[in-house]
Amino acid sequence: MDTFLLAFILFAVVILIMAIGYIIQNKRISGSCGGLDALGIEKACDCEKPCAKKRARLRNERRLNIQILED
């Protein structure tokens, strides 16, 4: 029983330290393999049009591509 409690406390402490590190870094969680972009899939939902955030990103990409072509 002592071994179980020691292991439980150790895991709890490690999880607590990881949570504190995540809070301090203030970054989004992301996968290490590239996610859906690595598979060539543009969106993960069945929506007819992308969300506002993705539309804004696409507009910015198009604007930057035009500026690069003009230079």
C-alpha atoms as a PDB file:
ATOM      1  CA  MET A   1       0.000   0.000   0.000  1.00  0.00           C
ATOM      2  CA  ASP A   2       2.899   2.338   0.728  1.00  0.00           C
ATOM      3  CA  THR A   3       4.285   1.807  -2.770  1.00  0.00           C
ATOM      4  CA  PHE A   4       0.925   2.692  -4.312  1.00  0.00           C
ATOM      5  CA  LEU A   5       0.661   5.927  -2.289  1.00  0.00           C
ATOM      6  CA  LEU A   6       4.234   6.895  -3.129  1.00  0.00           C
ATOM      7  CA  ALA A   7       3.663   6.281  -6.843  1.00  0.00           C
ATOM      8  CA  PHE A   8       0.357   8.189  -6.764  1.00  0.00           C
ATOM      9  CA  ILE A   9       1.949  11.169  -5.022  1.00  0.00           C
ATOM     10  CA  LEU A  10       4.870  11.133  -7.470  1.00  0.00           C
ATOM     11  CA  PHE A  11       2.545  11.160 -10.492  1.00  0.00           C
ATOM     12  CA  ALA A  12       0.411  13.906  -8.931  1.00  0.00           C
ATOM     13  CA  VAL A  13       3.494  16.061  -8.331  1.00  0.00           C
ATOM     14  CA  VAL A  14       4.717  15.553 -11.916  1.00  0.00           C
ATOM     15  CA  ILE A  15       1.291  16.464 -13.329  1.00  0.00           C
ATOM     16  CA  LEU A  16       1.157  19.536 -11.092  1.00  0.00           C
ATOM     17  CA  ILE A  17       4.592  20.684 -12.279  1.00  0.00           C
ATOM     18  CA  MET A  18       3.560  20.184 -15.916  1.00  0.00           C
ATOM     19  CA  ALA A  19       0.364  22.183 -15.328  1.00  0.00           C
ATOM     20  CA  ILE A  20       2.289  25.041 -13.749  1.00  0.00           C
ATOM     21  CA  GLY A  21       4.730  25.039 -16.678  1.00  0.00           C
ATOM     22  CA  TYR A  22       1.850  25.176 -19.152  1.00  0.00           C
ATOM     23  CA  ILE A  23       0.229  28.084 -17.316  1.00  0.00           C
ATOM     24  CA  ILE A  24       3.509  30.015 -17.153  1.00  0.00           C
ATOM     25  CA  GLN A  25       4.324  29.518 -20.854  1.00  0.00           C
ATOM     26  CA  ASN A  26       0.826  30.650 -21.917  1.00  0.00           C
ATOM     27  CA  LYS A  27       1.081  28.762 -25.229  1.00  0.00           C
ATOM     28  CA  ARG A  28      -1.469  26.674 -27.070  1.00  0.00           C
ATOM     29  CA  ILE A  29      -1.041  22.932 -26.949  1.00  0.00           C
ATOM     30  CA  SER A  30       0.085  21.608 -30.332  1.00  0.00           C
ATOM     31  CA  GLY A  31       1.019  18.226 -31.663  1.00  0.00           C
ATOM     32  CA  SER A  32       4.538  17.270 -32.592  1.00  0.00           C
ATOM     33  CA  CYS A  33       3.658  15.696 -35.946  1.00  0.00           C
ATOM     34  CA  GLY A  34       1.942  18.621 -37.683  1.00  0.00           C
ATOM     35  CA  GLY A  35      -1.619  17.417 -37.242  1.00  0.00           C
ATOM     36  CA  LEU A  36      -4.071  17.605 -40.127  1.00  0.00           C
ATOM     37  CA  ASP A  37      -1.849  19.964 -42.134  1.00  0.00           C
ATOM     38  CA  ALA A  38       0.728  17.189 -42.479  1.00  0.00           C
ATOM     39  CA  LEU A  39      -1.966  15.024 -44.087  1.00  0.00           C
ATOM     40  CA  GLY A  40      -3.038  17.754 -46.509  1.00  0.00           C
ATOM     41  CA  ILE A  41      -6.451  18.234 -44.883  1.00  0.00           C
ATOM     42  CA  GLU A  42      -7.470  21.901 -44.751  1.00  0.00           C
ATOM     43  CA  LYS A  43     -10.197  21.740 -42.128  1.00  0.00           C
ATOM     44  CA  ALA A  44     -11.441  19.232 -39.635  1.00  0.00           C
ATOM     45  CA  CYS A  45     -15.120  20.117 -39.648  1.00  0.00           C
ATOM     46  CA  ASP A  46     -17.899  19.706 -42.191  1.00  0.00           C
ATOM     47  CA  CYS A  47     -18.681  23.427 -42.336  1.00  0.00           C
ATOM     48  CA  GLU A  48     -19.496  24.922 -45.716  1.00  0.00           C
ATOM     49  CA  LYS A  49     -17.107  27.804 -45.143  1.00  0.00           C
ATOM     50  CA  PRO A  50     -14.189  28.170 -42.724  1.00  0.00           C
ATOM     51  CA  CYS A  51     -14.456  30.011 -39.417  1.00  0.00           C
ATOM     52  CA  ALA A  52     -13.707  33.737 -39.136  1.00  0.00           C
ATOM     53  CA  LYS A  53     -10.202  33.138 -37.828  1.00  0.00           C
ATOM     54  CA  LYS A  54      -9.267  30.955 -40.820  1.00  0.00           C
ATOM     55  CA  ARG A  55     -10.879  33.402 -43.286  1.00  0.00           C
ATOM     56  CA  ALA A  56      -8.766  36.226 -41.811  1.00  0.00           C
ATOM     57  CA  ARG A  57      -5.625  34.102 -42.097  1.00  0.00           C
ATOM     58  CA  LEU A  58      -6.410  33.267 -45.728  1.00  0.00           C
ATOM     59  CA  ARG A  59      -6.980  36.954 -46.518  1.00  0.00           C
ATOM     60  CA  ASN A  60      -3.617  37.830 -44.970  1.00  0.00           C
ATOM     61  CA  GLU A  61      -1.879  35.069 -46.930  1.00  0.00           C
ATOM     62  CA  ARG A  62      -3.408  36.279 -50.192  1.00  0.00           C
ATOM     63  CA  ARG A  63      -2.452  39.883 -49.397  1.00  0.00           C
ATOM     64  CA  LEU A  64       1.133  38.857 -48.622  1.00  0.00           C
ATOM     65  CA  ASN A  65       1.348  36.818 -51.840  1.00  0.00           C
ATOM     66  CA  ILE A  66       0.203  39.838 -53.863  1.00  0.00           C
ATOM     67  CA  GLN A  67       2.776  42.058 -52.171  1.00  0.00           C
ATOM     68  CA  ILE A  68       5.552  39.559 -52.873  1.00  0.00           C
ATOM     69  CA  LEU A  69       4.566  39.356 -56.542  1.00  0.00           C
ATOM     70  CA  GLU A  70       4.549  43.169 -56.836  1.00  0.00           C
ATOM     71  CA  ASP A  71       8.100  43.450 -55.437  1.00  0.00           C
END
